[in-house]
Amino acid sequence: MHLLSLNAMFFLQTIPADIWITIFEAIDDPAHLAQVVLTCRKFNQLGTKTLLKHLLWTKEDPTRRNLADWNSVHSDLFFLPRRLKLGISFDGFLFSGPMALEVSCNSTAAEYHILTHAQFSPANRLFDAVIQQISRFTMLEELILSRTNVTPIIYQLVASLPKLRLLDITACTFLTQDPVGISPLPDTEITSNITQLILQNNTPSRDQPSPDIGDHPLHRLAGPSLRSLTITWSPTSSLLFGTQRWKLPNLLELNLHVALLTRDMMDSAVEFVHNCTAGPRVSLRVNKHNVPDNQISSTSVPMHGLKSFWGPLPVVGMFAGSSSEVEHVTVTESLEITHLLTGLERLSKNIRTLDLQLRKYDNEVLFAIRQLFPDVQSVAIRFGKGSLPENIMVMLGSDILPDLKQLRTLKLSMDANCIPPQPPADYNAYFLLHALSQQPAEDEPQTPSDASTTLFDPADLKDYLVGWNRYCPRLRTVQLTSVSVWHRRFEGDPWLEKAVDPPVINRNSSRQGYRRSSDPFFV
């Protein structure tokens, strides 16, 4: 046993250090790497530097210990961090008031520093220590702020990091005032070389003065250098970053997320995209909309550069007409076949990927796709009711696939989530139950016929797949049930069947998602 341990140690010592460093860098989870460096002295020496490249400050006590280490054992390694995530809420901030004003007026600078650290809250002191330490990481390339507070000193901090390229601000609260006791950073011009900015689900300041709303620091921090922007588009963000307020002449990629789309939001989003003169590639994600049904078919607000869409099908028709450039469409609402075909007819022939939902399966959708989108590469259709016809394989091989030469993925599968919830006859009572957060009585389960059955023997199905190669040599993935997928890696590769988990039925979310467009209570 002892000899085996010696042989193992000898084997570890013979592996070059750069090999171990490469292995450590491939470990995604910092917590796992932290366990590795505790294994032996060699791993500690080699893995610590890799571990310090990606910092995670989301809990107060571990962050305090890490800050203490940076002031002692890691004081000569400030050049290592490349990525830092800050997710501390800093509950208990103290802001300037009569006591702080009196201290600042009647005390010297040294006395003020002592008083701030003695009297201000632990949250203030921790926030100050975090800001000061981040400012020393001069090689930092990515800064992620999540569920924390963004105060004016954050903008100075970002401007002081010369290598910073990615700034991610998600689920944060913007404040117009710094907490008391914050040590000032060196004066720098509010500008940076950020190329990627993410602003999602943030809470704006309630005391934002309206005269200054057109000169937000982010306008200067992320301007001419910005290449990629992901932003939650809301009434506040459209006011802050909308028309003529944010110059992004070199933006190449724009991801817009809209929780509730209104007509005003549509106009502001289209105008914002129009002002990005470099013609960015636009991805639009819409959760809900309140545009009346009778206005959808007559509304057209083309969005230049729209390539990808996720949301209700009628919405993409408003943004993407027959001459648009949209290529990828994911529909999030199940529709009747007539409404689905009407929505597809408003799209351009440039579609490359389609992900659709049908309430009841109908072959007509396949014929429509063949006619409207001859260059489509991926088609996924989920349906709640009905079933594939017995001659589906023959129909696909003779009528559909010969006209879809570029097709790589074809998926036709049942999904009970595509069955819309059935409200009671008394809709007003149904609405009141929801308004009072009460669950209505459960109705009978609405599940489609057994989705695990297949119409063909696997051997016969495989023969059909081999025959389809003459029509679609690019075809790589085929799914005709909810429990299995056929896949091949390249043309001529044998088709292999792989079992997959059927979709999870989420009836609560579908029930809560029910609404009528004429109801003014849903926004």
Protein backbone atom coordinates (compact mmCIF):
# COMPACT_ATOMS: atom_id res chain seq x y z
CA MET A 1 0.00 0.00 0.00
CA HIS A 2 2.81 2.38 0.92
CA LEU A 3 4.63 1.48 -2.29
CA LEU A 4 1.48 2.23 -4.29
CA SER A 5 1.23 5.69 -2.69
CA LEU A 6 4.86 6.39 -3.53
CA ASN A 7 4.30 5.34 -7.13
CA ALA A 8 1.25 7.61 -7.34
CA MET A 9 3.22 10.56 -5.98
CA PHE A 10 6.04 9.85 -8.41
CA PHE A 11 3.52 9.77 -11.26
CA LEU A 12 2.07 13.15 -10.23
CA GLN A 13 5.51 14.71 -10.06
CA THR A 14 6.38 13.57 -13.58
CA ILE A 15 3.45 15.41 -15.19
CA PRO A 16 4.57 18.87 -16.36
CA ALA A 17 3.07 21.88 -14.55
CA ASP A 18 1.53 23.33 -17.72
CA ILE A 19 -0.52 20.13 -18.17
CA TRP A 20 -1.98 20.49 -14.68
CA ILE A 21 -2.71 24.17 -15.28
CA THR A 22 -4.57 23.30 -18.49
CA ILE A 23 -6.62 20.72 -16.59
CA PHE A 24 -7.44 23.19 -13.83
CA GLU A 25 -8.52 25.83 -16.33
CA ALA A 26 -11.02 23.34 -17.80
CA ILE A 27 -12.86 23.07 -14.45
CA ASP A 28 -15.93 25.29 -14.82
CA ASP A 29 -17.12 25.39 -11.21
CA PRO A 30 -14.80 27.44 -8.93
CA ALA A 31 -16.08 25.48 -5.92
CA HIS A 32 -14.75 22.25 -7.45
CA LEU A 33 -11.38 23.82 -8.17
CA ALA A 34 -11.26 25.11 -4.60
CA GLN A 35 -11.52 21.51 -3.41
CA VAL A 36 -8.77 20.44 -5.80
CA VAL A 37 -6.23 22.97 -4.50
CA LEU A 38 -6.68 21.55 -0.99
CA THR A 39 -5.53 18.11 -2.14
CA CYS A 40 -1.77 18.63 -1.95
CA ARG A 41 0.88 21.33 -1.91
CA LYS A 42 1.61 20.97 -5.64
CA PHE A 43 -2.04 21.45 -6.61
CA ASN A 44 -2.28 24.40 -4.23
CA GLN A 45 0.66 26.13 -5.90
CA LEU A 46 -0.56 25.46 -9.43
CA GLY A 47 -4.30 25.81 -8.94
CA THR A 48 -4.46 28.94 -6.79
CA LYS A 49 -3.56 31.27 -9.64
CA THR A 50 -6.19 29.65 -11.85
CA LEU A 51 -8.75 29.90 -9.04
CA LEU A 52 -8.05 33.61 -8.58
CA LYS A 53 -8.78 34.38 -12.23
CA HIS A 54 -12.54 34.02 -11.68
CA LEU A 55 -13.87 35.57 -8.46
CA LEU A 56 -17.35 35.01 -7.05
CA TRP A 57 -18.49 37.48 -4.36
CA THR A 58 -22.12 36.67 -3.63
CA LYS A 59 -22.09 36.11 0.15
CA GLU A 60 -20.91 38.58 2.76
CA ASP A 61 -18.80 36.41 5.08
CA PRO A 62 -16.81 34.58 2.36
CA THR A 63 -16.28 37.90 0.60
CA ARG A 64 -14.87 39.48 3.76
CA ARG A 65 -12.45 36.58 4.16
CA ASN A 66 -11.41 36.84 0.52
CA LEU A 67 -10.85 40.59 0.86
CA ALA A 68 -8.61 39.94 3.85
CA ASP A 69 -6.59 37.45 1.78
CA TRP A 70 -6.11 40.03 -0.98
CA ASN A 71 -4.63 42.40 1.59
CA SER A 72 -2.22 39.74 2.85
CA VAL A 73 -1.32 36.49 1.07
CA HIS A 74 -2.50 37.62 -2.38
CA SER A 75 -1.25 41.21 -2.21
CA ASP A 76 1.16 40.61 -5.11
CA LEU A 77 -1.42 38.93 -7.37
CA PHE A 78 -3.71 41.82 -8.28
CA PHE A 79 -2.93 41.19 -11.95
CA LEU A 80 -4.58 37.73 -11.95
CA PRO A 81 -8.39 38.28 -11.84
CA ARG A 82 -10.05 38.29 -15.25
CA ARG A 83 -13.71 37.81 -14.30
CA LEU A 84 -15.61 38.92 -11.19
CA LYS A 85 -19.24 38.44 -10.20
CA LEU A 86 -20.61 40.67 -7.43
CA GLY A 87 -23.97 39.57 -6.04
CA ILE A 88 -24.16 41.01 -2.52
CA SER A 89 -27.34 42.94 -1.71
CA PHE A 90 -25.65 45.24 0.87
CA ASP A 91 -28.76 45.46 3.04
CA GLY A 92 -28.61 48.30 5.53
CA PHE A 93 -27.02 51.05 3.45
CA LEU A 94 -26.75 54.41 5.21
CA PHE A 95 -26.95 57.54 3.08
CA SER A 96 -26.02 61.13 3.80
CA GLY A 97 -28.15 62.91 6.43
CA PRO A 98 -27.80 65.56 9.14
CA MET A 99 -25.19 63.56 11.08
CA ALA A 100 -23.09 62.85 8.01
CA LEU A 101 -23.30 66.51 6.97
CA GLU A 102 -22.17 67.65 10.42
CA VAL A 103 -19.24 65.26 10.40
CA SER A 104 -18.10 66.37 6.97
CA CYS A 105 -18.29 70.05 7.89
CA ASN A 106 -16.66 70.02 11.33
CA SER A 107 -14.00 67.28 10.99
CA THR A 108 -10.64 66.97 9.33
CA ALA A 109 -10.11 64.38 6.59
CA ALA A 110 -8.42 61.95 9.02
CA GLU A 111 -11.18 62.37 11.61
CA TYR A 112 -13.83 61.88 8.91
CA HIS A 113 -12.23 58.60 7.81
CA ILE A 114 -12.17 57.32 11.40
CA LEU A 115 -15.76 58.35 12.06
CA THR A 116 -17.07 56.75 8.88
CA HIS A 117 -15.53 53.39 9.74
CA ALA A 118 -16.67 53.65 13.37
CA GLN A 119 -20.25 54.82 12.88
CA PHE A 120 -21.41 53.70 9.45
CA SER A 121 -23.15 50.39 8.89
CA PRO A 122 -21.31 47.15 8.07
CA ALA A 123 -22.95 47.26 4.63
CA ASN A 124 -21.32 50.64 3.93
CA ARG A 125 -17.90 49.42 5.02
CA LEU A 126 -18.15 46.20 3.01
CA PHE A 127 -19.30 48.09 -0.08
CA ASP A 128 -16.36 50.47 0.24
CA ALA A 129 -13.88 47.60 0.66
CA VAL A 130 -15.31 45.80 -2.38
CA ILE A 131 -15.12 48.90 -4.59
CA GLN A 132 -11.56 49.69 -3.54
CA GLN A 133 -10.39 46.13 -4.12
CA ILE A 134 -12.00 45.80 -7.56
CA SER A 135 -10.32 49.04 -8.63
CA ARG A 136 -6.94 47.32 -8.01
CA PHE A 137 -7.72 44.51 -10.47
CA THR A 138 -6.30 46.34 -13.47
CA MET A 139 -6.45 43.28 -15.75
CA LEU A 140 -10.15 42.57 -15.11
CA GLU A 141 -11.98 41.81 -18.37
CA GLU A 142 -15.51 40.89 -17.20
CA LEU A 143 -17.55 42.46 -14.40
CA ILE A 144 -20.94 40.94 -13.53
CA LEU A 145 -23.29 42.75 -11.13
CA SER A 146 -26.27 40.64 -10.06
CA ARG A 147 -28.87 41.44 -7.39
CA THR A 148 -26.85 44.28 -5.95
CA ASN A 149 -26.94 48.09 -5.89
CA VAL A 150 -25.54 50.26 -8.65
CA THR A 151 -24.51 53.67 -7.30
CA PRO A 152 -22.63 56.51 -9.05
CA ILE A 153 -19.24 55.23 -7.88
CA ILE A 154 -19.83 52.04 -9.91
CA TYR A 155 -19.56 54.09 -13.09
CA GLN A 156 -16.24 55.55 -11.91
CA LEU A 157 -15.08 52.04 -11.06
CA VAL A 158 -15.92 50.77 -14.55
CA ALA A 159 -14.13 53.71 -16.14
CA SER A 160 -11.00 52.98 -14.07
CA LEU A 161 -10.60 49.41 -15.38
CA PRO A 162 -8.63 49.71 -18.63
CA LYS A 163 -9.03 46.07 -19.76
CA LEU A 164 -12.75 45.73 -19.03
CA ARG A 165 -14.69 44.51 -22.06
CA LEU A 166 -17.90 42.96 -20.65
CA LEU A 167 -20.27 44.63 -18.17
CA ASP A 168 -23.31 42.64 -17.04
CA ILE A 169 -25.90 44.38 -14.82
CA THR A 170 -28.79 42.01 -14.06
CA ALA A 171 -31.58 42.27 -11.46
CA CYS A 172 -29.89 45.26 -9.80
CA THR A 173 -31.26 48.41 -8.21
CA PHE A 174 -29.98 51.72 -9.56
CA LEU A 175 -29.37 54.45 -6.98
CA THR A 176 -28.57 58.10 -7.66
CA GLN A 177 -26.57 58.53 -4.44
CA ASP A 178 -23.54 56.76 -3.00
CA PRO A 179 -23.77 55.43 0.57
CA VAL A 180 -21.95 57.41 3.23
CA GLY A 181 -18.33 56.60 3.96
CA ILE A 182 -17.22 55.57 0.48
CA SER A 183 -13.58 56.35 -0.22
CA PRO A 184 -13.30 58.32 -3.46
CA LEU A 185 -11.65 56.78 -6.50
CA PRO A 186 -9.10 58.70 -8.56
CA ASP A 187 -10.77 61.17 -10.92
CA THR A 188 -11.17 59.65 -14.36
CA GLU A 189 -13.18 60.53 -17.40
CA ILE A 190 -16.44 58.55 -17.54
CA THR A 191 -15.58 56.53 -20.60
CA SER A 192 -14.42 52.98 -21.26
CA ASN A 193 -13.67 50.38 -23.91
CA ILE A 194 -16.60 48.09 -23.13
CA THR A 195 -17.60 45.98 -26.14
CA GLN A 196 -20.42 43.92 -24.56
CA LEU A 197 -23.11 45.29 -22.24
CA ILE A 198 -25.99 43.38 -20.59
CA LEU A 199 -28.83 45.26 -18.85
CA GLN A 200 -31.62 42.93 -17.75
CA ASN A 201 -34.50 43.12 -15.26
CA ASN A 202 -33.11 46.06 -13.32
CA THR A 203 -35.00 48.40 -11.00
CA PRO A 204 -34.59 52.12 -11.79
CA SER A 205 -34.07 54.74 -9.16
CA ARG A 206 -37.30 56.22 -7.81
CA ASP A 207 -35.74 59.66 -7.32
CA GLN A 208 -34.17 60.00 -10.77
CA PRO A 209 -34.44 63.71 -11.64
CA SER A 210 -36.09 64.13 -15.01
CA PRO A 211 -33.71 66.88 -16.33
CA ASP A 212 -30.73 64.51 -16.06
CA ILE A 213 -32.42 61.46 -17.55
CA GLY A 214 -31.02 62.22 -20.99
CA ASP A 215 -27.40 62.13 -19.77
CA HIS A 216 -27.03 58.76 -18.09
CA PRO A 217 -23.41 57.70 -17.33
CA LEU A 218 -23.94 54.51 -19.32
CA HIS A 219 -24.30 56.65 -22.44
CA ARG A 220 -20.62 57.49 -22.15
CA LEU A 221 -19.38 54.23 -20.63
CA ALA A 222 -20.80 52.15 -23.47
CA GLY A 223 -20.92 54.24 -26.60
CA PRO A 224 -18.71 54.08 -29.69
CA SER A 225 -16.84 51.00 -28.41
CA LEU A 226 -19.97 48.87 -27.88
CA ARG A 227 -20.39 45.90 -30.23
CA SER A 228 -23.02 43.78 -28.42
CA LEU A 229 -25.98 44.88 -26.28
CA THR A 230 -28.56 42.81 -24.39
CA ILE A 231 -31.27 44.93 -22.77
CA THR A 232 -34.70 44.50 -21.20
CA TRP A 233 -36.85 47.00 -23.09
CA SER A 234 -39.34 48.70 -20.77
CA PRO A 235 -40.91 52.15 -20.50
CA THR A 236 -38.03 53.26 -18.27
CA SER A 237 -35.24 51.85 -20.43
CA SER A 238 -36.84 53.33 -23.54
CA LEU A 239 -36.85 56.69 -21.79
CA LEU A 240 -33.23 56.36 -20.63
CA PHE A 241 -31.73 54.87 -23.76
CA GLY A 242 -34.28 55.63 -26.45
CA THR A 243 -34.51 58.18 -29.19
CA GLN A 244 -31.34 60.23 -29.75
CA ARG A 245 -30.13 59.62 -26.18
CA TRP A 246 -27.66 56.83 -26.80
CA LYS A 247 -25.26 56.87 -29.74
CA LEU A 248 -24.17 53.35 -30.72
CA PRO A 249 -22.53 53.77 -34.13
CA ASN A 250 -20.63 50.46 -34.05
CA LEU A 251 -23.22 48.12 -32.51
CA LEU A 252 -23.29 44.77 -34.35
CA GLU A 253 -25.51 42.61 -32.11
CA LEU A 254 -28.66 43.68 -30.27
CA ASN A 255 -30.82 41.45 -28.04
CA LEU A 256 -34.11 43.04 -26.96
CA HIS A 257 -36.22 41.42 -24.20
CA VAL A 258 -39.75 42.75 -23.72
CA ALA A 259 -41.93 41.55 -20.84
CA LEU A 260 -45.13 43.29 -22.00
CA LEU A 261 -45.28 44.72 -25.51
CA THR A 262 -47.46 47.79 -26.07
CA ARG A 263 -47.84 49.93 -29.17
CA ASP A 264 -45.64 52.66 -27.65
CA MET A 265 -42.98 50.08 -26.83
CA MET A 266 -43.09 48.82 -30.40
CA ASP A 267 -42.48 52.27 -31.82
CA SER A 268 -39.66 53.12 -29.39
CA ALA A 269 -37.90 49.78 -30.00
CA VAL A 270 -38.06 50.17 -33.78
CA GLU A 271 -36.75 53.71 -33.57
CA PHE A 272 -33.94 52.64 -31.25
CA VAL A 273 -32.85 49.97 -33.73
CA HIS A 274 -33.07 52.49 -36.57
CA ASN A 275 -30.68 54.82 -34.74
CA CYS A 276 -28.01 52.07 -34.56
CA THR A 277 -26.38 53.09 -37.82
CA ALA A 278 -24.10 50.03 -38.18
CA GLY A 279 -27.13 47.82 -38.84
CA PRO A 280 -26.90 45.36 -35.93
CA ARG A 281 -28.19 41.81 -36.00
CA VAL A 282 -31.34 41.98 -33.84
CA SER A 283 -32.85 39.26 -31.65
CA LEU A 284 -36.30 40.04 -30.19
CA ARG A 285 -37.88 38.18 -27.25
CA VAL A 286 -41.49 39.04 -26.27
CA ASN A 287 -43.24 37.41 -23.32
CA LYS A 288 -46.70 38.99 -23.67
CA HIS A 289 -48.47 41.74 -25.57
CA ASN A 290 -51.66 43.78 -25.18
CA VAL A 291 -52.19 44.74 -28.81
CA PRO A 292 -55.87 44.07 -29.61
CA ASP A 293 -56.48 41.14 -31.90
CA ASN A 294 -58.34 43.31 -34.44
CA GLN A 295 -55.26 45.55 -34.83
CA ILE A 296 -52.58 42.87 -35.20
CA SER A 297 -53.28 42.03 -38.84
CA SER A 298 -53.29 45.69 -39.88
CA THR A 299 -50.21 46.77 -37.87
CA SER A 300 -46.82 46.77 -39.55
CA VAL A 301 -43.71 48.28 -37.95
CA PRO A 302 -40.74 46.65 -39.73
CA MET A 303 -37.63 46.32 -37.58
CA HIS A 304 -34.46 46.51 -39.64
CA GLY A 305 -31.96 43.75 -38.96
CA LEU A 306 -34.41 41.46 -37.12
CA LYS A 307 -32.93 37.97 -37.44
CA SER A 308 -34.34 36.01 -34.50
CA PHE A 309 -37.70 36.11 -32.72
CA TRP A 310 -39.10 34.33 -29.62
CA GLY A 311 -42.70 34.94 -28.60
CA PRO A 312 -46.31 34.97 -29.89
CA LEU A 313 -46.54 34.41 -33.66
CA PRO A 314 -48.82 37.42 -34.36
CA VAL A 315 -46.17 39.74 -32.91
CA VAL A 316 -43.39 38.65 -35.24
CA GLY A 317 -45.75 39.31 -38.14
CA MET A 318 -45.98 42.96 -37.08
CA PHE A 319 -42.18 43.37 -36.94
CA ALA A 320 -41.24 41.11 -39.83
CA GLY A 321 -43.08 41.52 -43.09
CA SER A 322 -42.58 39.53 -46.29
CA SER A 323 -39.45 41.55 -47.14
CA SER A 324 -37.82 41.21 -43.70
CA GLU A 325 -34.60 39.38 -42.83
CA VAL A 326 -35.91 37.28 -39.93
CA GLU A 327 -34.40 33.78 -40.02
CA HIS A 328 -35.23 32.12 -36.68
CA VAL A 329 -38.74 32.00 -35.18
CA THR A 330 -39.78 30.28 -31.93
CA VAL A 331 -43.52 30.46 -31.21
CA THR A 332 -44.49 30.34 -27.53
CA GLU A 333 -48.29 30.08 -27.85
CA SER A 334 -50.20 27.11 -29.24
CA LEU A 335 -52.57 28.07 -32.06
CA GLU A 336 -55.33 26.60 -34.13
CA ILE A 337 -54.20 25.61 -37.61
CA THR A 338 -55.99 28.51 -39.35
CA HIS A 339 -54.39 31.14 -37.09
CA LEU A 340 -51.00 29.47 -37.43
CA LEU A 341 -51.15 29.50 -41.22
CA THR A 342 -52.22 33.15 -41.23
CA GLY A 343 -49.20 34.04 -39.09
CA LEU A 344 -46.77 32.03 -41.22
CA GLU A 345 -47.97 33.77 -44.39
CA ARG A 346 -46.79 37.11 -42.98
CA LEU A 347 -43.20 35.87 -42.66
CA SER A 348 -40.49 36.08 -45.29
CA LYS A 349 -38.99 33.19 -47.24
CA ASN A 350 -35.69 33.69 -45.40
CA ILE A 351 -36.76 31.50 -42.46
CA ARG A 352 -34.06 29.01 -41.43
CA THR A 353 -35.45 27.59 -38.16
CA LEU A 354 -39.09 27.20 -37.10
CA ASP A 355 -40.33 26.05 -33.69
CA LEU A 356 -44.15 25.93 -33.69
CA GLN A 357 -46.98 24.88 -31.36
CA LEU A 358 -50.31 23.48 -32.56
CA ARG A 359 -53.37 22.75 -30.46
CA LYS A 360 -54.27 19.84 -32.76
CA TYR A 361 -52.05 18.26 -35.36
CA ASP A 362 -52.84 18.90 -39.04
CA ASN A 363 -50.80 17.89 -42.10
CA GLU A 364 -51.55 21.29 -43.62
CA VAL A 365 -48.78 22.89 -41.58
CA LEU A 366 -46.16 20.74 -43.32
CA PHE A 367 -47.47 21.67 -46.78
CA ALA A 368 -47.45 25.34 -45.79
CA ILE A 369 -43.83 25.14 -44.63
CA ARG A 370 -42.85 23.39 -47.88
CA GLN A 371 -44.48 26.15 -49.91
CA LEU A 372 -43.49 29.19 -47.87
CA PHE A 373 -39.97 28.35 -46.63
CA PRO A 374 -38.10 26.18 -49.18
CA ASP A 375 -34.70 26.90 -47.57
CA VAL A 376 -35.70 26.06 -43.99
CA GLN A 377 -33.05 24.07 -42.09
CA SER A 378 -34.87 23.12 -38.88
CA VAL A 379 -38.56 22.43 -38.25
CA ALA A 380 -39.98 21.53 -34.83
CA ILE A 381 -43.75 21.15 -34.39
CA ARG A 382 -45.32 20.28 -31.04
CA PHE A 383 -49.02 19.51 -30.82
CA GLY A 384 -51.40 18.84 -27.95
CA LYS A 385 -54.15 16.79 -29.54
CA GLY A 386 -54.51 14.46 -32.48
CA SER A 387 -51.81 12.16 -33.79
CA LEU A 388 -49.58 11.66 -36.79
CA PRO A 389 -51.41 9.85 -39.63
CA GLU A 390 -50.46 6.30 -40.47
CA ASN A 391 -49.04 7.35 -43.84
CA ILE A 392 -46.88 10.15 -42.37
CA MET A 393 -43.61 8.53 -43.49
CA VAL A 394 -44.85 8.04 -47.05
CA MET A 395 -46.22 11.58 -47.20
CA LEU A 396 -42.97 13.09 -45.91
CA GLY A 397 -40.89 11.15 -48.42
CA SER A 398 -43.09 11.87 -51.44
CA ASP A 399 -44.65 15.31 -50.84
CA ILE A 400 -42.59 17.27 -48.29
CA LEU A 401 -38.90 16.40 -48.12
CA PRO A 402 -38.10 16.57 -51.88
CA ASP A 403 -38.73 20.33 -51.74
CA LEU A 404 -36.74 20.95 -48.52
CA LYS A 405 -33.18 20.31 -49.70
CA GLN A 406 -31.54 22.23 -46.82
CA LEU A 407 -33.43 20.53 -43.99
CA ARG A 408 -31.22 19.27 -41.14
CA THR A 409 -33.72 18.77 -38.30
CA LEU A 410 -37.33 17.57 -38.34
CA LYS A 411 -39.28 17.10 -35.09
CA LEU A 412 -42.99 16.22 -34.82
CA SER A 413 -44.02 15.33 -31.26
CA MET A 414 -46.90 15.48 -28.81
CA ASP A 415 -46.80 17.89 -25.89
CA ALA A 416 -49.73 18.24 -23.49
CA ASN A 417 -48.60 21.79 -22.70
CA CYS A 418 -49.91 22.77 -26.15
CA ILE A 419 -53.48 22.11 -24.98
CA PRO A 420 -54.92 25.46 -23.83
CA PRO A 421 -56.63 25.47 -20.41
CA GLN A 422 -60.41 25.41 -20.48
CA PRO A 423 -61.91 28.16 -18.28
CA PRO A 424 -65.28 27.59 -16.62
CA ALA A 425 -68.39 28.87 -18.33
CA ASP A 426 -68.61 31.70 -15.80
CA TYR A 427 -65.44 33.53 -16.80
CA ASN A 428 -66.00 36.38 -14.32
CA ALA A 429 -66.00 33.91 -11.43
CA TYR A 430 -62.86 32.33 -12.90
CA PHE A 431 -61.14 35.73 -12.98
CA LEU A 432 -62.14 36.55 -9.40
CA LEU A 433 -60.66 33.27 -8.19
CA HIS A 434 -57.36 34.20 -9.76
CA ALA A 435 -57.53 37.75 -8.47
CA LEU A 436 -57.94 36.36 -4.96
CA SER A 437 -55.08 33.88 -5.53
CA GLN A 438 -57.41 30.93 -5.09
CA GLN A 439 -57.15 27.80 -7.16
CA PRO A 440 -60.35 26.75 -8.99
CA ALA A 441 -61.53 23.19 -8.79
CA GLU A 442 -59.39 20.79 -10.79
CA ASP A 443 -60.98 19.58 -14.00
CA GLU A 444 -60.30 16.29 -15.69
CA PRO A 445 -56.72 15.81 -16.86
CA GLN A 446 -56.28 16.91 -20.44
CA THR A 447 -53.63 14.64 -21.83
CA PRO A 448 -53.23 13.51 -25.40
CA SER A 449 -53.18 9.93 -26.47
CA ASP A 450 -50.17 7.87 -25.50
CA ALA A 451 -47.19 9.79 -26.86
CA SER A 452 -44.79 6.92 -26.26
CA THR A 453 -46.26 4.73 -28.98
CA THR A 454 -44.84 4.76 -32.47
CA LEU A 455 -46.57 4.04 -35.74
CA PHE A 456 -43.73 1.95 -37.11
CA ASP A 457 -41.37 -0.77 -36.09
CA PRO A 458 -37.91 0.77 -35.45
CA ALA A 459 -36.42 -1.32 -38.27
CA ASP A 460 -39.01 -0.02 -40.75
CA LEU A 461 -38.54 3.54 -39.55
CA LYS A 462 -34.79 3.24 -40.05
CA ASP A 463 -35.35 2.07 -43.63
CA TYR A 464 -37.43 5.16 -44.33
CA LEU A 465 -34.70 7.40 -42.89
CA VAL A 466 -32.08 5.82 -45.13
CA GLY A 467 -34.34 6.35 -48.15
CA TRP A 468 -34.84 10.01 -47.31
CA ASN A 469 -31.15 10.65 -47.91
CA ARG A 470 -31.77 11.02 -51.64
CA TYR A 471 -34.05 14.02 -50.92
CA CYS A 472 -32.35 15.54 -47.87
CA PRO A 473 -28.68 14.59 -47.70
CA ARG A 474 -28.21 17.22 -44.99
CA LEU A 475 -30.81 15.66 -42.67
CA ARG A 476 -29.25 14.79 -39.30
CA THR A 477 -32.02 14.66 -36.67
CA VAL A 478 -35.56 13.23 -36.88
CA GLN A 479 -38.11 12.98 -34.07
CA LEU A 480 -41.59 11.50 -34.56
CA THR A 481 -42.49 10.64 -30.96
CA SER A 482 -41.99 12.40 -27.65
CA VAL A 483 -39.77 9.66 -26.24
CA SER A 484 -37.12 9.00 -28.91
CA VAL A 485 -34.97 10.84 -31.44
CA TRP A 486 -33.07 9.47 -34.45
CA HIS A 487 -29.70 11.04 -35.19
CA ARG A 488 -26.71 10.66 -37.50
CA ARG A 489 -23.47 12.65 -37.60
CA PHE A 490 -22.90 12.93 -41.35
CA GLU A 491 -24.22 11.69 -44.69
CA GLY A 492 -23.75 7.94 -44.90
CA ASP A 493 -23.49 7.56 -41.12
CA PRO A 494 -25.94 4.94 -39.73
CA TRP A 495 -29.05 6.28 -38.03
CA LEU A 496 -29.13 5.67 -34.27
CA GLU A 497 -32.15 5.92 -31.97
CA LYS A 498 -31.79 7.71 -28.63
CA ALA A 499 -34.38 7.77 -25.85
CA VAL A 500 -35.39 11.20 -24.52
CA ASP A 501 -37.58 12.29 -21.64
CA PRO A 502 -41.13 13.30 -22.60
CA PRO A 503 -42.07 16.94 -21.94
CA VAL A 504 -43.12 17.78 -18.40
CA ILE A 505 -46.75 18.84 -18.17
CA ASN A 506 -47.01 22.24 -16.52
CA ARG A 507 -50.70 22.86 -16.15
CA ASN A 508 -50.41 25.65 -13.56
CA SER A 509 -48.36 27.92 -15.77
CA SER A 510 -50.68 27.37 -18.72
CA ARG A 511 -53.73 28.08 -16.58
CA GLN A 512 -52.23 31.31 -15.30
CA GLY A 513 -51.26 32.25 -18.82
CA TYR A 514 -54.87 32.21 -19.99
CA ARG A 515 -56.23 35.59 -20.89
CA ARG A 516 -58.62 37.21 -23.30
CA SER A 517 -57.38 40.13 -25.32
CA SER A 518 -60.48 42.12 -24.43
CA ASP A 519 -59.84 41.96 -20.69
CA PRO A 520 -58.37 45.28 -19.50
CA PHE A 521 -57.27 43.80 -16.16
CA PHE A 522 -54.34 41.87 -17.64
CA VAL A 523 -51.25 43.92 -18.48
